[in-house]
């Protein structure tokens, strides 16, 4: 199994954070305020120069709508986990109406077992 460096994870998360911040129409300053952290810290995270504390990571995910799969999928090599991530991504792209339908079908299938 290949080792994943903390630096690679930090750089990947920094890019994701920047992309989702922009997608949510937030400046670095606005995001820093929402997270209760400094603008300098946001900048260092986005540039991949700084890791992120667990609570800050969770807060970023909640505020910006980032799923754990988005953050960690590039580092996953287990095929079963990758299948689950792919399924989740397909599900996530559906309308709420279609998600409700799929969810109902899954409930039905589980009850058949």
Protein backbone atom coordinates (compact mmCIF):
# COMPACT_ATOMS: atom_id res chain seq x y z
CA UNK A 1 0.00 0.00 0.00
CA UNK A 2 1.37 3.40 -0.98
CA UNK A 3 1.81 5.90 1.79
CA UNK A 4 0.02 9.22 1.45
CA UNK A 5 1.94 12.20 2.75
CA UNK A 6 0.39 14.79 5.02
CA UNK A 7 1.64 17.40 2.57
CA UNK A 8 -0.37 15.81 -0.28
CA UNK A 9 -3.50 15.70 1.87
CA UNK A 10 -2.99 19.33 2.94
CA UNK A 11 -2.54 20.48 -0.67
CA UNK A 12 -5.58 18.53 -1.83
CA UNK A 13 -7.75 19.92 0.96
CA UNK A 14 -6.49 23.44 0.31
CA UNK A 15 -7.62 23.24 -3.31
CA UNK A 16 -10.99 21.77 -2.31
CA UNK A 17 -11.50 24.46 0.33
CA UNK A 18 -10.73 27.23 -2.18
CA UNK A 19 -13.04 25.69 -4.83
CA UNK A 20 -15.96 25.26 -2.40
CA UNK A 21 -15.42 28.72 -0.86
CA UNK A 22 -15.63 30.28 -4.31
CA UNK A 23 -18.60 28.08 -5.25
CA UNK A 24 -20.35 29.40 -2.11
CA UNK A 25 -19.50 33.00 -3.07
CA UNK A 26 -17.44 33.61 0.05
CA UNK A 27 -14.25 35.58 0.40
CA UNK A 28 -11.44 34.21 2.53
CA UNK A 29 -12.31 36.87 5.08
CA UNK A 30 -15.99 35.86 5.20
CA UNK A 31 -15.09 32.18 5.60
CA UNK A 32 -12.55 32.98 8.30
CA UNK A 33 -15.24 34.90 10.18
CA UNK A 34 -17.75 32.04 9.88
CA UNK A 35 -15.12 29.58 11.13
CA UNK A 36 -13.84 31.85 13.87
CA UNK A 37 -10.26 31.61 12.62
CA UNK A 38 -7.80 34.10 11.15
CA UNK A 39 -7.67 35.14 7.51
CA UNK A 40 -3.98 34.21 7.53
CA UNK A 41 -4.86 30.65 8.62
CA UNK A 42 -7.42 30.32 5.77
CA UNK A 43 -4.81 31.51 3.29
CA UNK A 44 -2.22 29.03 4.57
CA UNK A 45 -4.75 26.17 4.39
CA UNK A 46 -5.81 27.06 0.83
CA UNK A 47 -2.18 27.24 -0.28
CA UNK A 48 -1.52 23.79 1.20
CA UNK A 49 1.00 25.24 3.63
CA UNK A 50 -0.91 24.32 6.75
CA UNK A 51 -2.87 21.36 8.00
CA UNK A 52 -6.30 21.82 9.46
CA UNK A 53 -7.55 20.95 12.92
CA UNK A 54 -10.27 18.30 13.06
CA UNK A 55 -12.92 20.71 14.36
CA UNK A 56 -12.05 23.26 11.66
CA UNK A 57 -12.27 20.51 9.04
CA UNK A 58 -15.74 19.50 10.27
CA UNK A 59 -16.85 23.15 10.39
CA UNK A 60 -15.61 23.66 6.80
CA UNK A 61 -17.51 20.58 5.65
CA UNK A 62 -20.72 21.80 7.31
CA UNK A 63 -20.47 25.43 6.18
CA UNK A 64 -19.39 24.72 2.59
CA UNK A 65 -21.16 21.39 1.99
CA UNK A 66 -17.99 19.35 1.47
CA UNK A 67 -18.42 15.58 1.80
CA UNK A 68 -15.67 13.38 3.28
CA UNK A 69 -15.55 11.57 -0.06
CA UNK A 70 -14.58 14.79 -1.80
CA UNK A 71 -11.63 15.20 0.52
CA UNK A 72 -10.33 11.64 0.73
CA UNK A 73 -11.39 9.91 -2.54
CA UNK A 74 -8.15 10.78 -4.38
CA UNK A 75 -6.21 8.75 -1.80
CA UNK A 76 -8.43 5.64 -1.70
CA UNK A 77 -7.23 2.50 -3.49
CA UNK A 78 -9.66 -0.09 -2.06
CA UNK A 79 -12.01 -1.07 -4.92
CA UNK A 80 -15.02 -1.70 -2.68
CA UNK A 81 -14.65 1.72 -1.09
CA UNK A 82 -14.21 3.30 -4.53
CA UNK A 83 -17.45 1.65 -5.71
CA UNK A 84 -19.26 3.13 -2.71
CA UNK A 85 -17.79 6.57 -3.41
CA UNK A 86 -18.85 6.34 -7.08
CA UNK A 87 -22.36 5.33 -6.05
CA UNK A 88 -22.53 8.22 -3.58
CA UNK A 89 -21.36 10.70 -6.23
CA UNK A 90 -24.02 9.50 -8.67
CA UNK A 91 -26.67 9.70 -5.95
CA UNK A 92 -25.54 13.19 -4.93
CA UNK A 93 -26.00 14.55 -8.42
CA UNK A 94 -29.69 13.57 -8.54
CA UNK A 95 -32.61 15.90 -7.83
CA UNK A 96 -34.22 15.70 -4.39
CA UNK A 97 -37.22 13.96 -5.93
CA UNK A 98 -35.03 11.26 -7.48
CA UNK A 99 -33.04 10.88 -4.24
CA UNK A 100 -36.30 10.27 -2.36
CA UNK A 101 -37.31 7.67 -4.95
CA UNK A 102 -33.96 5.85 -4.77
CA UNK A 103 -34.06 5.98 -0.98
CA UNK A 104 -37.53 4.39 -1.01
CA UNK A 105 -36.34 1.67 -3.37
CA UNK A 106 -33.37 0.94 -1.11
CA UNK A 107 -35.68 0.68 1.91
CA UNK A 108 -37.82 -1.76 -0.06
CA UNK A 109 -34.80 -3.87 -1.01
CA UNK A 110 -33.54 -3.94 2.58
CA UNK A 111 -36.94 -5.11 3.80
CA UNK A 112 -36.86 -8.00 1.31
CA UNK A 113 -33.74 -9.44 2.89
